[in-house]
């Protein structure tokens, strides 16, 4: 059973790396976006509630997000573990996740934080905005999102570092270079690689 949390600012490449880690370990990569989309598509009560916030351009509150995550972590495909991408985002959510895992009788093995230079992140997100014609993603807006991210995540990173769970990985360079660094960390952590899925 391998349980990993992946942290990193917008534009750090978490989605790409999450997919590669998922394939390597044979566990699902679970993102809050995926959980929201699935609940909305299935028309669940929580999905409809989440949609109402998203339609207003507001953050979906913990009172809606947390129960959806709890249900997702109990799905059959998580029997061998899972990778969380985008959750927890705050210290409150980290505490909630701790309680969820305790209820499931599993432990958190590793927290990976992708570190990317802020100017590099801004450049990546501006390029993405141009490619996707997202005129709202201007440099001031992106830098504000990064400020919010750091304000929320730094206390959480400290929380996990105090438990010796946090591993910092440089997100600079090519996608393959970042993946190689992550796999090196996975190979060095007991229980985070499985022989049957290509790990040590």
N, C-alpha and C. Protein backbone atom coordinates (compact mmCIF):
# COMPACT_ATOMS: atom_id res chain seq x y z
N UNK A 1 0.86 -1.20 0.00
CA UNK A 1 0.00 0.00 0.00
C UNK A 1 0.89 1.24 0.00
N UNK A 2 0.78 2.04 -1.04
CA UNK A 2 1.59 3.24 -1.15
C UNK A 2 0.69 4.46 -1.25
N UNK A 3 0.88 5.42 -0.35
CA UNK A 3 0.08 6.64 -0.36
C UNK A 3 1.03 7.83 -0.48
N UNK A 4 0.85 8.62 -1.54
CA UNK A 4 1.74 9.74 -1.83
C UNK A 4 0.91 11.00 -2.09
N UNK A 5 1.40 12.13 -1.60
CA UNK A 5 0.81 13.43 -1.91
C UNK A 5 1.80 14.19 -2.78
N UNK A 6 1.30 14.78 -3.86
CA UNK A 6 2.14 15.56 -4.77
C UNK A 6 1.78 17.03 -4.66
N UNK A 7 2.76 17.84 -4.29
CA UNK A 7 2.56 19.29 -4.17
C UNK A 7 3.35 20.01 -5.25
N UNK A 8 2.93 21.23 -5.55
CA UNK A 8 3.66 22.04 -6.51
C UNK A 8 2.78 23.17 -7.00
N UNK A 9 3.38 24.29 -7.35
CA UNK A 9 2.59 25.44 -7.80
C UNK A 9 1.93 25.18 -9.15
N UNK A 10 0.95 26.00 -9.51
CA UNK A 10 0.37 25.90 -10.87
C UNK A 10 1.50 26.00 -11.88
N UNK A 11 1.47 25.15 -12.90
CA UNK A 11 2.50 25.20 -13.93
C UNK A 11 3.75 24.40 -13.62
N UNK A 12 3.75 23.69 -12.50
CA UNK A 12 4.94 22.90 -12.12
C UNK A 12 5.01 21.56 -12.86
N UNK A 13 3.92 21.19 -13.52
CA UNK A 13 3.91 19.92 -14.25
C UNK A 13 3.40 18.76 -13.42
N UNK A 14 2.60 19.05 -12.40
CA UNK A 14 2.13 17.99 -11.50
C UNK A 14 1.30 16.93 -12.24
N UNK A 15 0.41 17.38 -13.13
CA UNK A 15 -0.46 16.43 -13.81
C UNK A 15 0.33 15.41 -14.62
N UNK A 16 1.32 15.89 -15.36
CA UNK A 16 2.16 15.00 -16.18
C UNK A 16 2.93 14.02 -15.30
N UNK A 17 3.54 14.53 -14.23
CA UNK A 17 4.33 13.67 -13.35
C UNK A 17 3.43 12.72 -12.57
N UNK A 18 2.24 13.17 -12.18
CA UNK A 18 1.32 12.30 -11.46
C UNK A 18 0.97 11.07 -12.31
N UNK A 19 0.74 11.29 -13.61
CA UNK A 19 0.41 10.17 -14.51
C UNK A 19 1.57 9.18 -14.59
N UNK A 20 2.80 9.69 -14.61
CA UNK A 20 3.96 8.80 -14.71
C UNK A 20 4.19 8.03 -13.41
N UNK A 21 4.00 8.71 -12.27
CA UNK A 21 4.14 8.03 -10.98
C UNK A 21 3.07 6.95 -10.85
N UNK A 22 1.86 7.29 -11.26
CA UNK A 22 0.74 6.35 -11.21
C UNK A 22 1.06 5.08 -11.99
N UNK A 23 1.58 5.26 -13.19
CA UNK A 23 1.94 4.11 -14.02
C UNK A 23 3.07 3.31 -13.40
N UNK A 24 4.04 3.99 -12.86
CA UNK A 24 5.20 3.33 -12.25
C UNK A 24 4.79 2.45 -11.06
N UNK A 25 3.91 2.99 -10.22
CA UNK A 25 3.54 2.29 -8.98
C UNK A 25 2.29 1.43 -9.11
N UNK A 26 1.55 1.61 -10.20
CA UNK A 26 0.33 0.83 -10.37
C UNK A 26 -0.78 1.24 -9.43
N UNK A 27 -0.83 2.55 -9.11
CA UNK A 27 -1.89 3.08 -8.25
C UNK A 27 -2.54 4.26 -8.96
N UNK A 28 -3.80 4.57 -8.66
CA UNK A 28 -4.46 5.69 -9.34
C UNK A 28 -3.92 7.04 -8.90
N UNK A 29 -3.81 7.97 -9.87
CA UNK A 29 -3.51 9.37 -9.56
C UNK A 29 -4.85 10.07 -9.41
N UNK A 30 -5.10 10.61 -8.23
CA UNK A 30 -6.39 11.21 -7.92
C UNK A 30 -6.22 12.71 -7.77
N UNK A 31 -6.91 13.48 -8.60
CA UNK A 31 -6.86 14.94 -8.50
C UNK A 31 -8.23 15.45 -8.08
N UNK A 32 -8.23 16.60 -7.42
CA UNK A 32 -9.52 17.18 -7.04
C UNK A 32 -10.34 17.49 -8.29
N UNK A 33 -9.67 17.90 -9.35
CA UNK A 33 -10.39 18.18 -10.61
C UNK A 33 -11.13 16.94 -11.10
N UNK A 34 -10.46 15.79 -11.04
CA UNK A 34 -11.07 14.54 -11.48
C UNK A 34 -12.26 14.19 -10.59
N UNK A 35 -12.09 14.40 -9.27
CA UNK A 35 -13.17 14.10 -8.33
C UNK A 35 -14.38 15.00 -8.60
N UNK A 36 -14.12 16.30 -8.81
CA UNK A 36 -15.22 17.23 -9.11
C UNK A 36 -15.94 16.81 -10.39
N UNK A 37 -15.17 16.55 -11.46
CA UNK A 37 -15.77 16.21 -12.76
C UNK A 37 -16.63 14.95 -12.66
N UNK A 38 -16.10 13.95 -11.92
CA UNK A 38 -16.82 12.69 -11.81
C UNK A 38 -18.12 12.87 -11.02
N UNK A 39 -18.08 13.63 -9.93
CA UNK A 39 -19.29 13.87 -9.13
C UNK A 39 -20.32 14.68 -9.92
N UNK A 40 -19.83 15.66 -10.69
CA UNK A 40 -20.74 16.49 -11.49
C UNK A 40 -21.38 15.63 -12.58
N UNK A 41 -20.55 14.79 -13.24
CA UNK A 41 -21.06 13.93 -14.32
C UNK A 41 -22.09 12.93 -13.80
N UNK A 42 -21.86 12.45 -12.57
CA UNK A 42 -22.77 11.45 -11.99
C UNK A 42 -23.99 12.11 -11.34
N UNK A 43 -23.97 13.45 -11.25
CA UNK A 43 -25.11 14.16 -10.69
C UNK A 43 -25.31 13.94 -9.20
N UNK A 44 -24.20 13.70 -8.47
CA UNK A 44 -24.33 13.50 -7.02
C UNK A 44 -24.71 14.83 -6.35
N UNK A 45 -25.24 14.73 -5.14
CA UNK A 45 -25.59 15.96 -4.40
C UNK A 45 -24.37 16.85 -4.23
N UNK A 46 -23.23 16.23 -3.87
CA UNK A 46 -22.00 17.01 -3.68
C UNK A 46 -21.52 17.59 -5.01
N UNK A 47 -21.72 16.85 -6.09
CA UNK A 47 -21.32 17.33 -7.41
C UNK A 47 -22.12 18.57 -7.81
N UNK A 48 -23.42 18.52 -7.54
CA UNK A 48 -24.27 19.69 -7.87
C UNK A 48 -23.87 20.89 -7.02
N UNK A 49 -23.53 20.62 -5.76
CA UNK A 49 -23.11 21.71 -4.88
C UNK A 49 -21.79 22.31 -5.36
N UNK A 50 -20.85 21.44 -5.73
CA UNK A 50 -19.55 21.91 -6.24
C UNK A 50 -19.75 22.75 -7.50
N UNK A 51 -20.64 22.27 -8.38
CA UNK A 51 -20.89 22.99 -9.63
C UNK A 51 -21.42 24.39 -9.37
N UNK A 52 -22.25 24.53 -8.33
CA UNK A 52 -22.82 25.84 -8.03
C UNK A 52 -21.74 26.84 -7.64
N UNK A 53 -20.73 26.38 -6.91
CA UNK A 53 -19.61 27.26 -6.55
C UNK A 53 -18.76 27.58 -7.79
N UNK A 54 -18.47 26.55 -8.57
CA UNK A 54 -17.62 26.74 -9.75
C UNK A 54 -18.28 27.67 -10.76
N UNK A 55 -19.60 27.55 -10.88
CA UNK A 55 -20.33 28.43 -11.82
C UNK A 55 -20.21 29.90 -11.42
N UNK A 56 -20.05 30.13 -10.12
CA UNK A 56 -19.90 31.52 -9.63
C UNK A 56 -18.43 31.95 -9.60
N UNK A 57 -17.54 31.06 -10.06
CA UNK A 57 -16.12 31.37 -10.06
C UNK A 57 -15.50 31.35 -8.68
N UNK A 58 -16.14 30.62 -7.76
CA UNK A 58 -15.64 30.56 -6.38
C UNK A 58 -14.93 29.23 -6.12
N UNK A 59 -14.05 29.22 -5.09
CA UNK A 59 -13.43 27.98 -4.68
C UNK A 59 -14.49 27.08 -4.06
N UNK A 60 -14.38 25.79 -4.34
CA UNK A 60 -15.28 24.82 -3.69
C UNK A 60 -14.79 24.66 -2.25
N UNK A 61 -15.65 24.90 -1.25
CA UNK A 61 -15.19 24.88 0.14
C UNK A 61 -14.87 23.46 0.63
N UNK A 62 -14.11 23.42 1.73
CA UNK A 62 -13.72 22.13 2.30
C UNK A 62 -14.93 21.28 2.66
N UNK A 63 -16.01 21.92 3.06
CA UNK A 63 -17.21 21.18 3.48
C UNK A 63 -17.78 20.35 2.34
N UNK A 64 -17.43 20.72 1.10
CA UNK A 64 -17.88 19.97 -0.08
C UNK A 64 -16.74 19.07 -0.59
N UNK A 65 -15.53 19.62 -0.62
CA UNK A 65 -14.39 18.88 -1.17
C UNK A 65 -14.04 17.66 -0.32
N UNK A 66 -13.95 17.86 1.00
CA UNK A 66 -13.49 16.77 1.88
C UNK A 66 -14.34 15.51 1.78
N UNK A 67 -15.68 15.61 1.83
CA UNK A 67 -16.49 14.39 1.71
C UNK A 67 -16.30 13.68 0.37
N UNK A 68 -16.11 14.46 -0.72
CA UNK A 68 -15.90 13.84 -2.03
C UNK A 68 -14.58 13.07 -2.05
N UNK A 69 -13.55 13.66 -1.44
CA UNK A 69 -12.25 12.98 -1.38
C UNK A 69 -12.38 11.70 -0.56
N UNK A 70 -13.07 11.79 0.56
CA UNK A 70 -13.23 10.62 1.44
C UNK A 70 -13.86 9.45 0.69
N UNK A 71 -14.92 9.74 -0.07
CA UNK A 71 -15.60 8.70 -0.85
C UNK A 71 -14.65 8.12 -1.90
N UNK A 72 -13.91 9.01 -2.58
CA UNK A 72 -13.00 8.55 -3.66
C UNK A 72 -11.91 7.63 -3.12
N UNK A 73 -11.42 7.92 -1.93
CA UNK A 73 -10.33 7.11 -1.37
C UNK A 73 -10.79 5.72 -0.95
N UNK A 74 -12.10 5.52 -0.91
CA UNK A 74 -12.64 4.21 -0.55
C UNK A 74 -13.00 3.37 -1.78
N UNK A 75 -12.74 3.90 -2.97
CA UNK A 75 -13.07 3.17 -4.20
C UNK A 75 -12.18 1.93 -4.34
N UNK A 76 -12.67 0.89 -5.04
CA UNK A 76 -11.91 -0.37 -5.15
C UNK A 76 -10.52 -0.21 -5.75
N UNK A 77 -10.33 0.78 -6.66
CA UNK A 77 -9.03 0.88 -7.33
C UNK A 77 -7.93 1.42 -6.43
N UNK A 78 -8.27 1.80 -5.19
CA UNK A 78 -7.24 2.32 -4.28
C UNK A 78 -6.69 1.24 -3.36
N UNK A 79 -7.02 -0.02 -3.63
CA UNK A 79 -6.62 -1.12 -2.73
C UNK A 79 -5.11 -1.20 -2.55
N UNK A 80 -4.35 -0.83 -3.58
CA UNK A 80 -2.88 -0.89 -3.48
C UNK A 80 -2.26 0.46 -3.16
N UNK A 81 -3.12 1.48 -3.01
CA UNK A 81 -2.62 2.81 -2.70
C UNK A 81 -3.13 3.83 -3.68
N UNK A 82 -2.61 5.06 -3.56
CA UNK A 82 -3.05 6.13 -4.45
C UNK A 82 -2.09 7.31 -4.34
N UNK A 83 -2.15 8.15 -5.35
CA UNK A 83 -1.38 9.39 -5.39
C UNK A 83 -2.38 10.54 -5.42
N UNK A 84 -2.24 11.49 -4.50
CA UNK A 84 -3.13 12.64 -4.45
C UNK A 84 -2.45 13.85 -5.08
N UNK A 85 -3.11 14.44 -6.07
CA UNK A 85 -2.58 15.61 -6.77
C UNK A 85 -3.58 16.76 -6.59
N UNK A 86 -3.18 17.79 -5.84
CA UNK A 86 -4.08 18.93 -5.64
C UNK A 86 -4.86 18.87 -4.34
N UNK A 87 -4.64 17.82 -3.58
CA UNK A 87 -5.26 17.70 -2.25
C UNK A 87 -4.26 16.98 -1.37
N UNK A 88 -3.99 17.49 -0.17
CA UNK A 88 -4.55 18.69 0.43
C UNK A 88 -3.89 19.97 -0.10
N UNK A 89 -4.65 21.07 -0.04
CA UNK A 89 -4.13 22.38 -0.46
C UNK A 89 -3.80 23.27 0.74
N UNK A 90 -4.38 22.96 1.87
CA UNK A 90 -4.21 23.80 3.06
C UNK A 90 -3.90 22.92 4.26
N UNK A 91 -3.46 23.56 5.34
CA UNK A 91 -3.16 22.83 6.57
C UNK A 91 -4.41 22.16 7.12
N UNK A 92 -5.55 22.84 7.03
CA UNK A 92 -6.81 22.23 7.49
C UNK A 92 -7.10 20.94 6.72
N UNK A 93 -6.89 20.99 5.41
CA UNK A 93 -7.13 19.79 4.60
C UNK A 93 -6.12 18.70 4.93
N UNK A 94 -4.89 19.09 5.25
CA UNK A 94 -3.87 18.10 5.63
C UNK A 94 -4.29 17.37 6.90
N UNK A 95 -4.85 18.11 7.85
CA UNK A 95 -5.34 17.49 9.08
C UNK A 95 -6.52 16.56 8.79
N UNK A 96 -7.40 16.99 7.89
CA UNK A 96 -8.54 16.15 7.51
C UNK A 96 -8.06 14.88 6.83
N UNK A 97 -7.07 15.01 5.94
CA UNK A 97 -6.52 13.82 5.26
C UNK A 97 -5.92 12.86 6.28
N UNK A 98 -5.21 13.39 7.27
CA UNK A 98 -4.64 12.54 8.33
C UNK A 98 -5.73 11.69 8.98
N UNK A 99 -6.87 12.32 9.27
CA UNK A 99 -7.98 11.60 9.91
C UNK A 99 -8.60 10.58 8.96
N UNK A 100 -8.73 10.96 7.67
CA UNK A 100 -9.27 10.02 6.68
C UNK A 100 -8.40 8.77 6.58
N UNK A 101 -7.09 8.97 6.50
CA UNK A 101 -6.18 7.84 6.37
C UNK A 101 -6.22 6.96 7.61
N UNK A 102 -6.33 7.60 8.78
CA UNK A 102 -6.42 6.83 10.03
C UNK A 102 -7.69 5.97 10.00
N UNK A 103 -8.78 6.53 9.52
CA UNK A 103 -10.04 5.77 9.42
C UNK A 103 -9.92 4.60 8.45
N UNK A 104 -9.10 4.79 7.41
CA UNK A 104 -8.90 3.73 6.41
C UNK A 104 -7.86 2.71 6.86
N UNK A 105 -7.14 3.05 7.94
CA UNK A 105 -6.10 2.15 8.44
C UNK A 105 -4.85 2.14 7.59
N UNK A 106 -4.57 3.26 6.91
CA UNK A 106 -3.36 3.35 6.08
C UNK A 106 -2.56 4.57 6.52
N UNK A 107 -1.30 4.61 6.08
CA UNK A 107 -0.45 5.74 6.45
C UNK A 107 0.05 6.45 5.20
N UNK A 108 0.38 7.71 5.37
CA UNK A 108 0.98 8.50 4.29
C UNK A 108 2.46 8.16 4.22
N UNK A 109 2.92 7.74 3.04
CA UNK A 109 4.32 7.32 2.88
C UNK A 109 5.25 8.47 2.52
N UNK A 110 4.75 9.40 1.70
CA UNK A 110 5.66 10.37 1.11
C UNK A 110 4.89 11.58 0.60
N UNK A 111 5.49 12.77 0.77
CA UNK A 111 4.96 14.00 0.17
C UNK A 111 6.05 14.55 -0.74
N UNK A 112 5.76 14.61 -2.03
CA UNK A 112 6.70 15.13 -3.02
C UNK A 112 6.31 16.56 -3.36
N UNK A 113 7.24 17.49 -3.24
CA UNK A 113 6.95 18.87 -3.64
C UNK A 113 7.84 19.26 -4.81
N UNK A 114 7.22 19.59 -5.93
CA UNK A 114 7.96 20.04 -7.10
C UNK A 114 8.30 21.51 -6.95
N UNK A 115 9.57 21.82 -7.00
CA UNK A 115 10.04 23.21 -6.87
C UNK A 115 10.41 23.75 -8.25
N UNK A 116 9.80 24.86 -8.62
CA UNK A 116 10.09 25.49 -9.90
C UNK A 116 10.26 26.98 -9.67
N UNK A 117 11.28 27.57 -10.28
CA UNK A 117 11.52 29.00 -10.19
C UNK A 117 10.25 29.76 -10.61
N UNK A 118 9.91 30.79 -9.83
CA UNK A 118 8.64 31.49 -10.07
C UNK A 118 8.57 32.09 -11.47
N UNK A 119 9.67 32.68 -11.95
CA UNK A 119 9.65 33.26 -13.30
C UNK A 119 9.41 32.19 -14.35
N UNK A 120 9.97 30.99 -14.11
CA UNK A 120 9.78 29.87 -15.03
C UNK A 120 8.30 29.45 -15.05
N UNK A 121 7.69 29.40 -13.86
CA UNK A 121 6.27 29.04 -13.77
C UNK A 121 5.42 30.07 -14.50
N UNK A 122 5.70 31.35 -14.28
CA UNK A 122 4.94 32.41 -14.95
C UNK A 122 5.06 32.27 -16.46
N UNK A 123 6.27 32.01 -16.93
CA UNK A 123 6.50 31.85 -18.37
C UNK A 123 5.69 30.67 -18.92
N UNK A 124 5.71 29.55 -18.20
CA UNK A 124 4.96 28.36 -18.65
C UNK A 124 3.47 28.66 -18.72
N UNK A 125 2.94 29.33 -17.67
CA UNK A 125 1.50 29.60 -17.62
C UNK A 125 1.07 30.63 -18.66
N UNK A 126 1.94 31.60 -18.94
CA UNK A 126 1.62 32.57 -19.99
C UNK A 126 1.59 31.88 -21.36
N UNK A 127 2.53 30.96 -21.58
CA UNK A 127 2.54 30.20 -22.84
C UNK A 127 1.27 29.36 -22.96
N UNK A 128 0.89 28.72 -21.84
CA UNK A 128 -0.33 27.89 -21.85
C UNK A 128 -1.55 28.76 -22.13
N UNK A 129 -1.58 29.97 -21.54
CA UNK A 129 -2.72 30.87 -21.74
C UNK A 129 -2.83 31.26 -23.21
N UNK A 130 -1.67 31.52 -23.84
CA UNK A 130 -1.68 31.88 -25.26
C UNK A 130 -2.19 30.71 -26.10
N UNK A 131 -1.69 29.51 -25.80
CA UNK A 131 -2.08 28.32 -26.58
C UNK A 131 -3.57 28.03 -26.44
N UNK A 132 -4.12 28.28 -25.24
CA UNK A 132 -5.53 27.96 -24.97
C UNK A 132 -6.44 29.19 -25.07
N UNK A 133 -5.86 30.30 -25.55
CA UNK A 133 -6.64 31.56 -25.70
C UNK A 133 -7.32 31.98 -24.41
N UNK A 134 -6.58 31.88 -23.30
CA UNK A 134 -7.14 32.27 -22.00
C UNK A 134 -6.63 33.68 -21.68
N UNK A 135 -7.37 34.67 -22.16
CA UNK A 135 -6.94 36.06 -22.02
C UNK A 135 -6.91 36.52 -20.56
N UNK A 136 -7.67 35.85 -19.70
CA UNK A 136 -7.72 36.25 -18.28
C UNK A 136 -6.43 35.93 -17.54
N UNK A 137 -5.65 34.98 -18.07
CA UNK A 137 -4.42 34.57 -17.38
C UNK A 137 -3.28 35.53 -17.72
N UNK A 138 -3.33 36.72 -17.14
CA UNK A 138 -2.27 37.70 -17.34
C UNK A 138 -1.18 37.49 -16.29
N UNK A 139 -0.05 38.13 -16.48
CA UNK A 139 1.05 37.94 -15.52
C UNK A 139 0.67 38.35 -14.10
N UNK A 140 0.00 39.50 -13.87
CA UNK A 140 -0.39 39.85 -12.49
C UNK A 140 -1.32 38.82 -11.86
N UNK A 141 -2.25 38.28 -12.67
CA UNK A 141 -3.18 37.27 -12.15
C UNK A 141 -2.42 36.00 -11.77
N UNK A 142 -1.50 35.59 -12.63
CA UNK A 142 -0.72 34.37 -12.36
C UNK A 142 0.14 34.55 -11.12
N UNK A 143 0.79 35.71 -10.99
CA UNK A 143 1.65 35.93 -9.81
C UNK A 143 0.81 35.96 -8.53
N UNK A 144 -0.41 36.47 -8.63
CA UNK A 144 -1.30 36.47 -7.45
C UNK A 144 -1.67 35.03 -7.08
N UNK A 145 -1.94 34.20 -8.08
CA UNK A 145 -2.26 32.78 -7.80
C UNK A 145 -1.08 32.10 -7.12
N UNK A 146 0.11 32.45 -7.53
CA UNK A 146 1.31 31.86 -6.92
C UNK A 146 1.47 32.33 -5.48
N UNK A 147 1.16 33.60 -5.22
CA UNK A 147 1.21 34.11 -3.85
C UNK A 147 0.26 33.33 -2.94
N UNK A 148 -0.96 33.13 -3.45
CA UNK A 148 -1.96 32.38 -2.68
C UNK A 148 -1.48 30.95 -2.44
N UNK A 149 -0.93 30.35 -3.49
CA UNK A 149 -0.43 28.97 -3.37
C UNK A 149 0.63 28.88 -2.27
N UNK A 150 1.60 29.79 -2.32
CA UNK A 150 2.69 29.73 -1.34
C UNK A 150 2.18 29.99 0.08
N UNK A 151 1.26 30.93 0.21
CA UNK A 151 0.71 31.24 1.53
C UNK A 151 -0.01 30.03 2.13
N UNK A 152 -0.73 29.28 1.28
CA UNK A 152 -1.46 28.11 1.76
C UNK A 152 -0.54 26.91 1.98
N UNK A 153 0.45 26.76 1.09
CA UNK A 153 1.22 25.53 1.07
C UNK A 153 2.40 25.52 2.02
N UNK A 154 3.01 26.68 2.26
CA UNK A 154 4.21 26.68 3.11
C UNK A 154 3.95 26.09 4.50
N UNK A 155 2.84 26.46 5.19
CA UNK A 155 2.59 25.83 6.49
C UNK A 155 2.40 24.32 6.37
N UNK A 156 1.77 23.89 5.26
CA UNK A 156 1.54 22.46 5.05
C UNK A 156 2.85 21.72 4.78
N UNK A 157 3.73 22.35 4.00
CA UNK A 157 5.04 21.74 3.74
C UNK A 157 5.82 21.59 5.04
N UNK A 158 5.76 22.60 5.89
CA UNK A 158 6.44 22.53 7.19
C UNK A 158 5.85 21.41 8.04
N UNK A 159 4.54 21.28 8.00
CA UNK A 159 3.84 20.23 8.75
C UNK A 159 4.34 18.85 8.33
N UNK A 160 4.49 18.64 7.03
CA UNK A 160 4.96 17.34 6.54
C UNK A 160 6.46 17.16 6.74
N UNK A 161 7.21 18.26 6.64
CA UNK A 161 8.66 18.18 6.89
C UNK A 161 8.93 17.78 8.33
N UNK A 162 8.11 18.29 9.24
CA UNK A 162 8.28 17.94 10.66
C UNK A 162 8.03 16.46 10.91
N UNK A 163 7.31 15.81 10.02
CA UNK A 163 7.06 14.37 10.14
C UNK A 163 8.03 13.54 9.30
N UNK A 164 9.03 14.21 8.73
CA UNK A 164 10.01 13.55 7.85
C UNK A 164 9.35 12.88 6.64
N UNK A 165 8.29 13.48 6.15
CA UNK A 165 7.59 12.93 4.99
C UNK A 165 7.88 13.71 3.71
N UNK A 166 8.40 14.94 3.84
CA UNK A 166 8.53 15.84 2.68
C UNK A 166 9.84 15.62 1.94
N UNK A 167 9.74 15.45 0.62
CA UNK A 167 10.91 15.39 -0.26
C UNK A 167 10.76 16.46 -1.33
N UNK A 168 11.75 17.34 -1.42
CA UNK A 168 11.73 18.40 -2.43
C UNK A 168 12.40 17.89 -3.70
N UNK A 169 11.75 18.12 -4.84
CA UNK A 169 12.28 17.68 -6.13
C UNK A 169 12.27 18.86 -7.07
N UNK A 170 13.40 19.12 -7.72
CA UNK A 170 13.45 20.21 -8.68
C UNK A 170 12.56 19.91 -9.88
N UNK A 171 11.69 20.85 -10.21
CA UNK A 171 10.81 20.70 -11.37
C UNK A 171 11.38 21.41 -12.60
N UNK A 172 12.65 21.85 -12.50
CA UNK A 172 13.29 22.52 -13.64
C UNK A 172 13.79 21.45 -14.63
N UNK A 173 13.92 21.84 -15.88
CA UNK A 173 14.45 20.92 -16.88
C UNK A 173 13.34 20.25 -17.67
N UNK A 174 13.72 19.20 -18.41
CA UNK A 174 12.74 18.51 -19.25
C UNK A 174 11.83 17.64 -18.38
N UNK A 175 10.70 17.25 -18.97
CA UNK A 175 9.76 16.38 -18.27
C UNK A 175 10.46 15.09 -17.83
N UNK A 176 11.28 14.52 -18.74
CA UNK A 176 11.97 13.26 -18.43
C UNK A 176 12.97 13.44 -17.29
N UNK A 177 13.64 14.59 -17.27
CA UNK A 177 14.61 14.84 -16.19
C UNK A 177 13.91 14.91 -14.84
N UNK A 178 12.76 15.57 -14.80
CA UNK A 178 12.00 15.67 -13.54
C UNK A 178 11.51 14.28 -13.12
N UNK A 179 11.00 13.52 -14.09
CA UNK A 179 10.53 12.16 -13.78
C UNK A 179 11.66 11.32 -13.19
N UNK A 180 12.84 11.42 -13.77
CA UNK A 180 13.99 10.65 -13.29
C UNK A 180 14.30 11.01 -11.83
N UNK A 181 14.25 12.30 -11.50
CA UNK A 181 14.51 12.72 -10.12
C UNK A 181 13.46 12.14 -9.17
N UNK A 182 12.21 12.18 -9.60
CA UNK A 182 11.12 11.65 -8.77
C UNK A 182 11.30 10.15 -8.54
N UNK A 183 11.62 9.42 -9.61
CA UNK A 183 11.79 7.97 -9.48
C UNK A 183 12.97 7.63 -8.57
N UNK A 184 14.02 8.46 -8.61
CA UNK A 184 15.14 8.25 -7.69
C UNK A 184 14.68 8.34 -6.24
N UNK A 185 13.79 9.33 -5.97
CA UNK A 185 13.25 9.48 -4.61
C UNK A 185 12.39 8.27 -4.25
N UNK A 186 11.54 7.84 -5.18
CA UNK A 186 10.68 6.69 -4.92
C UNK A 186 11.50 5.44 -4.60
N UNK A 187 12.59 5.27 -5.34
CA UNK A 187 13.44 4.10 -5.11
C UNK A 187 14.12 4.13 -3.76
N UNK A 188 14.27 5.33 -3.20
CA UNK A 188 14.98 5.46 -1.92
C UNK A 188 14.04 5.37 -0.72
N UNK A 189 12.73 5.34 -0.99
CA UNK A 189 11.76 5.31 0.10
C UNK A 189 11.20 3.90 0.24
N UNK A 190 11.34 3.33 1.40
CA UNK A 190 10.82 1.99 1.65
C UNK A 190 9.34 1.95 1.39
N UNK A 191 8.92 0.93 0.61
CA UNK A 191 7.50 0.73 0.40
C UNK A 191 6.90 1.56 -0.71
N UNK A 192 7.69 2.45 -1.31
CA UNK A 192 7.13 3.30 -2.37
C UNK A 192 7.38 2.76 -3.76
N UNK A 193 7.99 1.57 -3.85
CA UNK A 193 8.15 0.92 -5.14
C UNK A 193 7.76 -0.53 -4.98
N UNK A 194 7.15 -1.08 -6.03
CA UNK A 194 6.69 -2.46 -5.99
C UNK A 194 7.35 -3.25 -7.11
N UNK A 195 7.93 -4.42 -6.82
CA UNK A 195 8.61 -5.18 -7.87
C UNK A 195 7.72 -5.45 -9.07
N UNK A 196 6.43 -5.72 -8.81
CA UNK A 196 5.55 -6.08 -9.91
C UNK A 196 5.20 -4.90 -10.80
N UNK A 197 5.52 -3.68 -10.36
CA UNK A 197 5.18 -2.51 -11.20
C UNK A 197 6.41 -1.75 -11.67
N UNK A 198 7.56 -2.43 -11.62
CA UNK A 198 8.74 -1.84 -12.21
C UNK A 198 9.64 -1.12 -11.25
N UNK A 199 9.29 -1.05 -9.97
CA UNK A 199 10.16 -0.40 -8.99
C UNK A 199 11.19 -1.38 -8.50
N UNK A 200 11.90 -1.00 -7.43
CA UNK A 200 12.90 -1.91 -6.90
C UNK A 200 12.25 -3.07 -6.18
